[in-house]
């Protein structure tokens, strides 16, 4: 078995899962994104699929409405226009769906 690349649904960055870890991986296991620190729960093994169960501690991530690129914005930018680093589009992210971090996690 070879190492497998997964894409974090929170930040869009790729991470490698080592072949030896793949052999013991089970549905319900939680991985941590190397790029943003988000916790990713394994929801399927064939093919390997993960979903973010807790965003990383480094910030909030938004999708550009023009090109779909996911990038990080800081809390200080709430209510302000941001510029997509991929296509240069300026927009104000919708912060209404951002939830406070769950302290029990």
PDB file of N, CA and C in Angstrom:
ATOM      1  N   UNK A   1       0.846  -1.174   0.000  1.00  0.00           N
ATOM      2  CA  UNK A   1       0.000   0.000   0.000  1.00  0.00           C
ATOM      3  C   UNK A   1       0.898   1.248   0.000  1.00  0.00           C
ATOM      4  N   UNK A   2       0.485   2.271  -0.720  1.00  0.00           N
ATOM      5  CA  UNK A   2       1.263   3.504  -0.833  1.00  0.00           C
ATOM      6  C   UNK A   2       0.675   4.596   0.054  1.00  0.00           C
ATOM      7  N   UNK A   3       1.488   5.645   0.324  1.00  0.00           N
ATOM      8  CA  UNK A   3       0.978   6.819   1.013  1.00  0.00           C
ATOM      9  C   UNK A   3      -0.160   7.397   0.183  1.00  0.00           C
ATOM     10  N   UNK A   4      -1.117   8.030   0.850  1.00  0.00           N
ATOM     11  CA  UNK A   4      -2.279   8.586   0.163  1.00  0.00           C
ATOM     12  C   UNK A   4      -2.407  10.063   0.510  1.00  0.00           C
ATOM     13  N   UNK A   5      -2.685  10.872  -0.508  1.00  0.00           N
ATOM     14  CA  UNK A   5      -2.872  12.297  -0.305  1.00  0.00           C
ATOM     15  C   UNK A   5      -4.354  12.589  -0.093  1.00  0.00           C
ATOM     16  N   UNK A   6      -4.663  13.346   0.965  1.00  0.00           N
ATOM     17  CA  UNK A   6      -6.034  13.784   1.201  1.00  0.00           C
ATOM     18  C   UNK A   6      -6.057  15.303   1.187  1.00  0.00           C
ATOM     19  N   UNK A   7      -7.198  15.876   0.807  1.00  0.00           N
ATOM     20  CA  UNK A   7      -7.356  17.322   0.782  1.00  0.00           C
ATOM     21  C   UNK A   7      -8.250  17.724   1.943  1.00  0.00           C
ATOM     22  N   UNK A   8      -7.771  18.645   2.756  1.00  0.00           N
ATOM     23  CA  UNK A   8      -8.514  19.117   3.917  1.00  0.00           C
ATOM     24  C   UNK A   8      -9.729  19.922   3.455  1.00  0.00           C
ATOM     25  N   UNK A   9     -10.930  19.551   3.901  1.00  0.00           N
ATOM     26  CA  UNK A   9     -12.114  20.316   3.510  1.00  0.00           C
ATOM     27  C   UNK A   9     -12.191  21.683   4.175  1.00  0.00           C
ATOM     28  N   UNK A  10     -11.386  21.922   5.211  1.00  0.00           N
ATOM     29  CA  UNK A  10     -11.402  23.218   5.890  1.00  0.00           C
ATOM     30  C   UNK A  10     -10.522  24.242   5.193  1.00  0.00           C
ATOM     31  N   UNK A  11      -9.315  23.827   4.787  1.00  0.00           N
ATOM     32  CA  UNK A  11      -8.387  24.803   4.211  1.00  0.00           C
ATOM     33  C   UNK A  11      -8.023  24.519   2.763  1.00  0.00           C
ATOM     34  N   UNK A  12      -8.343  23.325   2.256  1.00  0.00           N
ATOM     35  CA  UNK A  12      -8.044  22.997   0.865  1.00  0.00           C
ATOM     36  C   UNK A  12      -6.625  22.534   0.608  1.00  0.00           C
ATOM     37  N   UNK A  13      -5.819  22.433   1.655  1.00  0.00           N
ATOM     38  CA  UNK A  13      -4.437  21.992   1.485  1.00  0.00           C
ATOM     39  C   UNK A  13      -4.349  20.465   1.525  1.00  0.00           C
ATOM     40  N   UNK A  14      -3.373  19.928   0.808  1.00  0.00           N
ATOM     41  CA  UNK A  14      -3.178  18.477   0.753  1.00  0.00           C
ATOM     42  C   UNK A  14      -2.261  18.020   1.887  1.00  0.00           C
ATOM     43  N   UNK A  15      -2.557  16.846   2.425  1.00  0.00           N
ATOM     44  CA  UNK A  15      -1.736  16.203   3.445  1.00  0.00           C
ATOM     45  C   UNK A  15      -1.544  14.752   3.050  1.00  0.00           C
ATOM     46  N   UNK A  16      -0.436  14.179   3.461  1.00  0.00           N
ATOM     47  CA  UNK A  16      -0.169  12.769   3.195  1.00  0.00           C
ATOM     48  C   UNK A  16      -0.525  11.918   4.398  1.00  0.00           C
ATOM     49  N   UNK A  17      -1.181  10.800   4.138  1.00  0.00           N
ATOM     50  CA  UNK A  17      -1.431   9.797   5.155  1.00  0.00           C
ATOM     51  C   UNK A  17      -0.481   8.647   4.829  1.00  0.00           C
ATOM     52  N   UNK A  18       0.387   8.320   5.774  1.00  0.00           N
ATOM     53  CA  UNK A  18       1.396   7.287   5.555  1.00  0.00           C
ATOM     54  C   UNK A  18       0.749   5.922   5.349  1.00  0.00           C
ATOM     55  N   UNK A  19       1.379   5.094   4.526  1.00  0.00           N
ATOM     56  CA  UNK A  19       0.858   3.776   4.192  1.00  0.00           C
ATOM     57  C   UNK A  19       0.617   2.934   5.447  1.00  0.00           C
ATOM     58  N   UNK A  20       1.537   2.982   6.413  1.00  0.00           N
ATOM     59  CA  UNK A  20       1.369   2.194   7.633  1.00  0.00           C
ATOM     60  C   UNK A  20       0.168   2.676   8.460  1.00  0.00           C
ATOM     61  N   UNK A  21      -0.157   3.972   8.379  1.00  0.00           N
ATOM     62  CA  UNK A  21      -1.341   4.488   9.070  1.00  0.00           C
ATOM     63  C   UNK A  21      -2.619   4.070   8.358  1.00  0.00           C
ATOM     64  N   UNK A  22      -2.568   3.970   7.043  1.00  0.00           N
ATOM     65  CA  UNK A  22      -3.742   3.564   6.264  1.00  0.00           C
ATOM     66  C   UNK A  22      -4.192   2.151   6.614  1.00  0.00           C
ATOM     67  N   UNK A  23      -3.241   1.293   6.933  1.00  0.00           N
ATOM     68  CA  UNK A  23      -3.549  -0.098   7.240  1.00  0.00           C
ATOM     69  C   UNK A  23      -4.383  -0.243   8.508  1.00  0.00           C
ATOM     70  N   UNK A  24      -4.222   0.687   9.452  1.00  0.00           N
ATOM     71  CA  UNK A  24      -4.936   0.590  10.729  1.00  0.00           C
ATOM     72  C   UNK A  24      -6.097   1.583  10.841  1.00  0.00           C
ATOM     73  N   UNK A  25      -6.303   2.388   9.820  1.00  0.00           N
ATOM     74  CA  UNK A  25      -7.328   3.427   9.832  1.00  0.00           C
ATOM     75  C   UNK A  25      -8.726   2.815   9.811  1.00  0.00           C
ATOM     76  N   UNK A  26      -9.635   3.360  10.613  1.00  0.00           N
ATOM     77  CA  UNK A  26     -11.015   2.893  10.661  1.00  0.00           C
ATOM     78  C   UNK A  26     -11.961   4.076  10.547  1.00  0.00           C
ATOM     79  N   UNK A  27     -13.178   3.812  10.077  1.00  0.00           N
ATOM     80  CA  UNK A  27     -14.212   4.844  10.024  1.00  0.00           C
ATOM     81  C   UNK A  27     -14.425   5.366  11.447  1.00  0.00           C
ATOM     82  N   UNK A  28     -14.462   6.682  11.594  1.00  0.00           N
ATOM     83  CA  UNK A  28     -14.627   7.308  12.903  1.00  0.00           C
ATOM     84  C   UNK A  28     -13.330   7.817  13.488  1.00  0.00           C
ATOM     85  N   UNK A  29     -12.185   7.349  12.953  1.00  0.00           N
ATOM     86  CA  UNK A  29     -10.905   7.866  13.411  1.00  0.00           C
ATOM     87  C   UNK A  29     -10.803   9.341  13.059  1.00  0.00           C
ATOM     88  N   UNK A  30     -10.018  10.085  13.825  1.00  0.00           N
ATOM     89  CA  UNK A  30      -9.858  11.513  13.593  1.00  0.00           C
ATOM     90  C   UNK A  30      -8.392  11.797  13.275  1.00  0.00           C
ATOM     91  N   UNK A  31      -8.181  12.516  12.171  1.00  0.00           N
ATOM     92  CA  UNK A  31      -6.856  12.940  11.752  1.00  0.00           C
ATOM     93  C   UNK A  31      -6.758  14.440  11.961  1.00  0.00           C
ATOM     94  N   UNK A  32      -5.534  14.969  12.017  1.00  0.00           N
ATOM     95  CA  UNK A  32      -5.351  16.411  12.124  1.00  0.00           C
ATOM     96  C   UNK A  32      -4.679  16.920  10.860  1.00  0.00           C
ATOM     97  N   UNK A  33      -5.239  17.970  10.265  1.00  0.00           N
ATOM     98  CA  UNK A  33      -4.657  18.571   9.062  1.00  0.00           C
ATOM     99  C   UNK A  33      -3.310  19.187   9.413  1.00  0.00           C
ATOM    100  N   UNK A  34      -2.283  18.839   8.638  1.00  0.00           N
ATOM    101  CA  UNK A  34      -0.948  19.368   8.871  1.00  0.00           C
ATOM    102  C   UNK A  34      -0.871  20.869   8.609  1.00  0.00           C
ATOM    103  N   UNK A  35      -1.717  21.373   7.719  1.00  0.00           N
ATOM    104  CA  UNK A  35      -1.650  22.779   7.323  1.00  0.00           C
ATOM    105  C   UNK A  35      -2.381  23.710   8.286  1.00  0.00           C
ATOM    106  N   UNK A  36      -3.619  23.356   8.673  1.00  0.00           N
ATOM    107  CA  UNK A  36      -4.426  24.301   9.458  1.00  0.00           C
ATOM    108  C   UNK A  36      -4.787  23.811  10.852  1.00  0.00           C
ATOM    109  N   UNK A  37      -4.539  22.536  11.136  1.00  0.00           N
ATOM    110  CA  UNK A  37      -4.857  22.011  12.454  1.00  0.00           C
ATOM    111  C   UNK A  37      -6.295  21.557  12.620  1.00  0.00           C
ATOM    112  N   UNK A  38      -7.084  21.570  11.546  1.00  0.00           N
ATOM    113  CA  UNK A  38      -8.475  21.114  11.637  1.00  0.00           C
ATOM    114  C   UNK A  38      -8.506  19.623  11.951  1.00  0.00           C
ATOM    115  N   UNK A  39      -9.526  19.211  12.686  1.00  0.00           N
ATOM    116  CA  UNK A  39      -9.717  17.800  12.973  1.00  0.00           C
ATOM    117  C   UNK A  39     -10.630  17.219  11.910  1.00  0.00           C
ATOM    118  N   UNK A  40     -10.187  16.114  11.293  1.00  0.00           N
ATOM    119  CA  UNK A  40     -10.884  15.505  10.172  1.00  0.00           C
ATOM    120  C   UNK A  40     -11.294  14.086  10.536  1.00  0.00           C
ATOM    121  N   UNK A  41     -12.590  13.830  10.511  1.00  0.00           N
ATOM    122  CA  UNK A  41     -13.097  12.496  10.826  1.00  0.00           C
ATOM    123  C   UNK A  41     -13.186  11.665   9.558  1.00  0.00           C
ATOM    124  N   UNK A  42     -12.719  10.426   9.627  1.00  0.00           N
ATOM    125  CA  UNK A  42     -12.794   9.501   8.507  1.00  0.00           C
ATOM    126  C   UNK A  42     -14.234   9.018   8.402  1.00  0.00           C
ATOM    127  N   UNK A  43     -14.871   9.277   7.246  1.00  0.00           N
ATOM    128  CA  UNK A  43     -16.262   8.861   7.039  1.00  0.00           C
ATOM    129  C   UNK A  43     -16.371   7.700   6.066  1.00  0.00           C
ATOM    130  N   UNK A  44     -15.300   7.404   5.320  1.00  0.00           N
ATOM    131  CA  UNK A  44     -15.297   6.291   4.376  1.00  0.00           C
ATOM    132  C   UNK A  44     -13.854   5.859   4.150  1.00  0.00           C
ATOM    133  N   UNK A  45     -13.654   4.554   3.979  1.00  0.00           N
ATOM    134  CA  UNK A  45     -12.303   4.040   3.731  1.00  0.00           C
ATOM    135  C   UNK A  45     -12.052   3.729   2.261  1.00  0.00           C
ATOM    136  N   UNK A  46     -13.083   3.418   1.502  1.00  0.00           N
ATOM    137  CA  UNK A  46     -12.888   3.053   0.102  1.00  0.00           C
ATOM    138  C   UNK A  46     -13.914   3.748  -0.776  1.00  0.00           C
ATOM    139  N   UNK A  47     -13.606   4.923  -1.293  1.00  0.00           N
ATOM    140  CA  UNK A  47     -12.343   5.651  -1.171  1.00  0.00           C
ATOM    141  C   UNK A  47     -12.266   6.372   0.175  1.00  0.00           C
ATOM    142  N   UNK A  48     -11.044   6.771   0.558  1.00  0.00           N
ATOM    143  CA  UNK A  48     -10.839   7.485   1.805  1.00  0.00           C
ATOM    144  C   UNK A  48     -11.472   8.866   1.703  1.00  0.00           C
ATOM    145  N   UNK A  49     -12.427   9.138   2.592  1.00  0.00           N
ATOM    146  CA  UNK A  49     -13.088  10.440   2.639  1.00  0.00           C
ATOM    147  C   UNK A  49     -13.081  10.934   4.077  1.00  0.00           C
ATOM    148  N   UNK A  50     -12.857  12.234   4.236  1.00  0.00           N
ATOM    149  CA  UNK A  50     -12.857  12.843   5.558  1.00  0.00           C
ATOM    150  C   UNK A  50     -13.767  14.066   5.549  1.00  0.00           C
ATOM    151  N   UNK A  51     -14.253  14.439   6.737  1.00  0.00           N
ATOM    152  CA  UNK A  51     -15.005  15.678   6.875  1.00  0.00           C
ATOM    153  C   UNK A  51     -14.471  16.406   8.105  1.00  0.00           C
ATOM    154  N   UNK A  52     -14.480  17.732   8.037  1.00  0.00           N
ATOM    155  CA  UNK A  52     -13.977  18.540   9.141  1.00  0.00           C
ATOM    156  C   UNK A  52     -14.982  18.485  10.288  1.00  0.00           C
ATOM    157  N   UNK A  53     -14.515  18.093  11.467  1.00  0.00           N
ATOM    158  CA  UNK A  53     -15.376  18.066  12.637  1.00  0.00           C
ATOM    159  C   UNK A  53     -15.066  19.234  13.565  1.00  0.00           C
ATOM    160  N   UNK A  54     -13.899  19.854  13.379  1.00  0.00           N
ATOM    161  CA  UNK A  54     -13.554  21.067  14.111  1.00  0.00           C
ATOM    162  C   UNK A  54     -12.525  21.812  13.297  1.00  0.00           C
ATOM    163  N   UNK A  55     -12.785  23.096  13.080  1.00  0.00           N
ATOM    164  CA  UNK A  55     -11.860  23.920  12.315  1.00  0.00           C
ATOM    165  C   UNK A  55     -10.543  24.049  13.067  1.00  0.00           C
ATOM    166  N   UNK A  56      -9.504  24.354  12.346  1.00  0.00           N
ATOM    167  CA  UNK A  56      -8.201  24.567  12.949  1.00  0.00           C
ATOM    168  C   UNK A  56      -8.216  25.771  13.869  1.00  0.00           C
ATOM    169  N   UNK A  57      -7.231  25.864  14.711  1.00  0.00           N
ATOM    170  CA  UNK A  57      -7.178  26.930  15.690  1.00  0.00           C
ATOM    171  C   UNK A  57      -6.570  28.208  15.137  1.00  0.00           C
ATOM    172  N   UNK A  58      -6.073  28.162  13.918  1.00  0.00           N
ATOM    173  CA  UNK A  58      -5.360  29.305  13.380  1.00  0.00           C
ATOM    174  C   UNK A  58      -6.258  30.361  12.762  1.00  0.00           C
ATOM    175  N   UNK A  59      -7.499  30.073  12.487  1.00  0.00           N
ATOM    176  CA  UNK A  59      -8.357  31.085  11.896  1.00  0.00           C
ATOM    177  C   UNK A  59      -9.593  30.493  11.251  1.00  0.00           C
ATOM    178  N   UNK A  60     -10.284  31.333  10.515  1.00  0.00           N
ATOM    179  CA  UNK A  60     -11.480  30.926   9.798  1.00  0.00           C
ATOM    180  C   UNK A  60     -11.155  30.838   8.318  1.00  0.00           C
ATOM    181  N   UNK A  61     -11.834  29.943   7.625  1.00  0.00           N
ATOM    182  CA  UNK A  61     -11.585  29.739   6.207  1.00  0.00           C
ATOM    183  C   UNK A  61     -12.842  30.054   5.414  1.00  0.00           C
ATOM    184  N   UNK A  62     -12.654  30.727   4.277  1.00  0.00           N
ATOM    185  CA  UNK A  62     -13.772  31.084   3.403  1.00  0.00           C
ATOM    186  C   UNK A  62     -13.463  30.614   1.990  1.00  0.00           C
ATOM    187  N   UNK A  63     -14.531  30.436   1.215  1.00  0.00           N
ATOM    188  CA  UNK A  63     -14.390  30.079  -0.198  1.00  0.00           C
ATOM    189  C   UNK A  63     -14.658  31.319  -1.027  1.00  0.00           C
ATOM    190  N   UNK A  64     -13.788  31.578  -1.992  1.00  0.00           N
ATOM    191  CA  UNK A  64     -13.992  32.701  -2.897  1.00  0.00           C
ATOM    192  C   UNK A  64     -15.223  32.414  -3.756  1.00  0.00           C
ATOM    193  N   UNK A  65     -16.175  33.365  -3.816  1.00  0.00           N
ATOM    194  CA  UNK A  65     -17.367  33.128  -4.627  1.00  0.00           C
ATOM    195  C   UNK A  65     -17.090  33.118  -6.132  1.00  0.00           C
ATOM    196  N   UNK A  66     -15.943  33.641  -6.545  1.00  0.00           N
ATOM    197  CA  UNK A  66     -15.626  33.660  -7.977  1.00  0.00           C
ATOM    198  C   UNK A  66     -14.907  32.380  -8.412  1.00  0.00           C
ATOM    199  N   UNK A  67     -13.823  32.025  -7.735  1.00  0.00           N
ATOM    200  CA  UNK A  67     -13.014  30.891  -8.205  1.00  0.00           C
ATOM    201  C   UNK A  67     -13.106  29.655  -7.312  1.00  0.00           C
ATOM    202  N   UNK A  68     -13.695  29.790  -6.105  1.00  0.00           N
ATOM    203  CA  UNK A  68     -13.841  28.647  -5.212  1.00  0.00           C
ATOM    204  C   UNK A  68     -12.640  28.356  -4.343  1.00  0.00           C
ATOM    205  N   UNK A  69     -11.562  29.141  -4.462  1.00  0.00           N
ATOM    206  CA  UNK A  69     -10.350  28.924  -3.665  1.00  0.00           C
ATOM    207  C   UNK A  69     -10.666  29.130  -2.185  1.00  0.00           C
ATOM    208  N   UNK A  70     -10.196  28.226  -1.333  1.00  0.00           N
ATOM    209  CA  UNK A  70     -10.389  28.334   0.108  1.00  0.00           C
ATOM    210  C   UNK A  70      -9.158  28.976   0.716  1.00  0.00           C
ATOM    211  N   UNK A  71      -9.381  30.008   1.536  1.00  0.00           N
ATOM    212  CA  UNK A  71      -8.249  30.653   2.196  1.00  0.00           C
ATOM    213  C   UNK A  71      -8.657  31.150   3.576  1.00  0.00           C
ATOM    214  N   UNK A  72      -7.647  31.443   4.382  1.00  0.00           N
ATOM    215  CA  UNK A  72      -7.852  31.824   5.769  1.00  0.00           C
ATOM    216  C   UNK A  72      -8.063  33.334   5.899  1.00  0.00           C
ATOM    217  N   UNK A  73      -8.995  33.718   6.769  1.00  0.00           N
ATOM    218  CA  UNK A  73      -9.188  35.124   7.131  1.00  0.00           C
ATOM    219  C   UNK A  73      -9.168  35.205   8.652  1.00  0.00           C
ATOM    220  N   UNK A  74      -8.802  36.349   9.172  1.00  0.00           N
ATOM    221  CA  UNK A  74      -8.729  36.498  10.624  1.00  0.00           C
ATOM    222  C   UNK A  74     -10.010  37.101  11.168  1.00  0.00           C
ATOM    223  N   UNK A  75     -10.245  36.901  12.462  1.00  0.00           N
ATOM    224  CA  UNK A  75     -11.434  37.460  13.106  1.00  0.00           C
ATOM    225  C   UNK A  75     -11.457  38.980  13.003  1.00  0.00           C
ATOM    226  N   UNK A  76     -10.290  39.591  12.963  1.00  0.00           N
ATOM    227  CA  UNK A  76     -10.197  41.048  12.872  1.00  0.00           C
ATOM    228  C   UNK A  76     -10.774  41.562  11.550  1.00  0.00           C
ATOM    229  N   UNK A  77     -10.868  40.704  10.552  1.00  0.00           N
ATOM    230  CA  UNK A  77     -11.392  41.098   9.246  1.00  0.00           C
ATOM    231  C   UNK A  77     -12.909  40.961   9.142  1.00  0.00           C
ATOM    232  N   UNK A  78     -13.559  40.536  10.224  1.00  0.00           N
ATOM    233  CA  UNK A  78     -15.011  40.347  10.195  1.00  0.00           C
ATOM    234  C   UNK A  78     -15.700  41.643   9.768  1.00  0.00           C
ATOM    235  N   UNK A  79     -16.567  41.534   8.773  1.00  0.00           N
ATOM    236  CA  UNK A  79     -17.311  42.682   8.265  1.00  0.00           C
ATOM    237  C   UNK A  79     -16.569  43.499   7.225  1.00  0.00           C
ATOM    238  N   UNK A  80     -15.306  43.170   6.967  1.00  0.00           N
ATOM    239  CA  UNK A  80     -14.499  43.900   5.994  1.00  0.00           C
ATOM    240  C   UNK A  80     -14.327  43.087   4.716  1.00  0.00           C
ATOM    241  N   UNK A  81     -14.064  43.783   3.636  1.00  0.00           N
ATOM    242  CA  UNK A  81     -13.795  43.097   2.366  1.00  0.00           C
ATOM    243  C   UNK A  81     -12.428  42.432   2.432  1.00  0.00           C
ATOM    244  N   UNK A  82     -12.324  41.241   1.844  1.00  0.00           N
ATOM    245  CA  UNK A  82     -11.058  40.528   1.736  1.00  0.00           C
ATOM    246  C   UNK A  82     -10.783  40.268   0.261  1.00  0.00           C
ATOM    247  N   UNK A  83      -9.527  40.011  -0.050  1.00  0.00           N
ATOM    248  CA  UNK A  83      -9.155  39.747  -1.441  1.00  0.00           C
ATOM    249  C   UNK A  83      -8.676  38.312  -1.568  1.00  0.00           C
ATOM    250  N   UNK A  84      -9.226  37.595  -2.537  1.00  0.00           N
ATOM    251  CA  UNK A  84      -8.819  36.219  -2.797  1.00  0.00           C
ATOM    252  C   UNK A  84      -7.380  36.217  -3.300  1.00  0.00           C
ATOM    253  N   UNK A  85      -6.505  35.443  -2.672  1.00  0.00           N
ATOM    254  CA  UNK A  85      -5.108  35.395  -3.121  1.00  0.00           C
ATOM    255  C   UNK A  85      -4.936  34.671  -4.458  1.00  0.00           C
ATOM    256  N   UNK A  86      -5.958  33.919  -4.872  1.00  0.00           N
ATOM    257  CA  UNK A  86      -5.868  33.156  -6.118  1.00  0.00           C
ATOM    258  C   UNK A  86      -6.264  33.997  -7.334  1.00  0.00           C
ATOM    259  N   UNK A  87      -7.429  34.671  -7.255  1.00  0.00           N
ATOM    260  CA  UNK A  87      -7.926  35.387  -8.443  1.00  0.00           C
ATOM    261  C   UNK A  87      -8.028  36.898  -8.254  1.00  0.00           C
ATOM    262  N   UNK A  88      -7.801  37.383  -7.019  1.00  0.00           N
ATOM    263  CA  UNK A  88      -7.833  38.819  -6.764  1.00  0.00           C
ATOM    264  C   UNK A  88      -9.211  39.407  -6.534  1.00  0.00           C
ATOM    265  N   UNK A  89     -10.251  38.582  -6.512  1.00  0.00           N
ATOM    266  CA  UNK A  89     -11.618  39.067  -6.317  1.00  0.00           C
ATOM    267  C   UNK A  89     -11.792  39.590  -4.894  1.00  0.00           C
ATOM    268  N   UNK A  90     -12.405  40.784  -4.754  1.00  0.00           N
ATOM    269  CA  UNK A  90     -12.714  41.365  -3.452  1.00  0.00           C
ATOM    270  C   UNK A  90     -14.154  41.061  -3.075  1.00  0.00           C
ATOM    271  N   UNK A  91     -14.372  40.611  -1.828  1.00  0.00           N
ATOM    272  CA  UNK A  91     -15.717  40.323  -1.346  1.00  0.00           C
ATOM    273  C   UNK A  91     -15.738  40.382   0.169  1.00  0.00           C
ATOM    274  N   UNK A  92     -16.939  40.516   0.717  1.00  0.00           N
ATOM    275  CA  UNK A  92     -17.124  40.483   2.167  1.00  0.00           C
ATOM    276  C   UNK A  92     -17.646  39.099   2.520  1.00  0.00           C
ATOM    277  N   UNK A  93     -16.863  38.301   3.276  1.00  0.00           N
ATOM    278  CA  UNK A  93     -17.315  36.950   3.641  1.00  0.00           C
ATOM    279  C   UNK A  93     -18.583  36.996   4.487  1.00  0.00           C
ATOM    280  N   UNK A  94     -19.398  35.953   4.375  1.00  0.00           N
ATOM    281  CA  UNK A  94     -20.606  35.813   5.171  1.00  0.00           C
ATOM    282  C   UNK A  94     -20.221  35.171   6.501  1.00  0.00           C
ATOM    283  N   UNK A  95     -20.165  35.978   7.542  1.00  0.00           N
ATOM    284  CA  UNK A  95     -19.765  35.491   8.854  1.00  0.00           C
ATOM    285  C   UNK A  95     -20.950  34.962   9.645  1.00  0.00           C
ATOM    286  N   UNK A  96     -22.156  35.034   9.104  1.00  0.00           N
ATOM    287  CA  UNK A  96     -23.339  34.628   9.861  1.00  0.00           C
ATOM    288  C   UNK A  96     -23.344  33.141  10.190  1.00  0.00           C
ATOM    289  N   UNK A  97     -22.621  32.331   9.406  1.00  0.00           N
ATOM    290  CA  UNK A  97     -22.609  30.894   9.655  1.00  0.00           C
ATOM    291  C   UNK A  97     -21.434  30.445  10.514  1.00  0.00           C
ATOM    292  N   UNK A  98     -20.571  31.387  10.905  1.00  0.00           N
ATOM    293  CA  UNK A  98     -19.422  31.042  11.737  1.00  0.00           C
ATOM    294  C   UNK A  98     -19.904  30.870  13.167  1.00  0.00           C
ATOM    295  N   UNK A  99     -19.618  29.700  13.735  1.00  0.00           N
ATOM    296  CA  UNK A  99     -20.042  29.399  15.097  1.00  0.00           C
ATOM    297  C   UNK A  99     -18.872  29.588  16.050  1.00  0.00           C
ATOM    298  N   UNK A 100     -19.194  29.888  17.282  1.00  0.00           N
ATOM    299  CA  UNK A 100     -18.159  29.984  18.299  1.00  0.00           C
ATOM    300  C   UNK A 100     -17.527  28.606  18.471  1.00  0.00           C
ATOM    301  N   UNK A 101     -16.234  28.572  18.752  1.00  0.00           N
ATOM    302  CA  UNK A 101     -15.539  27.311  18.930  1.00  0.00           C
ATOM    303  C   UNK A 101     -16.099  26.576  20.141  1.00  0.00           C
ATOM    304  N   UNK A 102     -16.353  25.296  19.981  1.00  0.00           N
ATOM    305  CA  UNK A 102     -16.923  24.473  21.038  1.00  0.00           C
ATOM    306  C   UNK A 102     -15.841  24.200  22.082  1.00  0.00           C
ATOM    307  N   UNK A 103     -16.061  24.655  23.308  1.00  0.00           N
ATOM    308  CA  UNK A 103     -15.074  24.523  24.373  1.00  0.00           C
ATOM    309  C   UNK A 103     -14.923  23.076  24.849  1.00  0.00           C
ATOM    310  N   UNK A 104     -15.930  22.219  24.590  1.00  0.00           N
ATOM    311  CA  UNK A 104     -15.863  20.838  25.072  1.00  0.00           C
ATOM    312  C   UNK A 104     -14.947  19.974  24.234  1.00  0.00           C
ATOM    313  N   UNK A 105     -14.622  20.358  23.046  1.00  0.00           N
ATOM    314  CA  UNK A 105     -13.832  19.541  22.118  1.00  0.00           C
ATOM    315  C   UNK A 105     -12.466  19.455  22.543  1.00  0.00           C
TER     316      UNK A 105
END
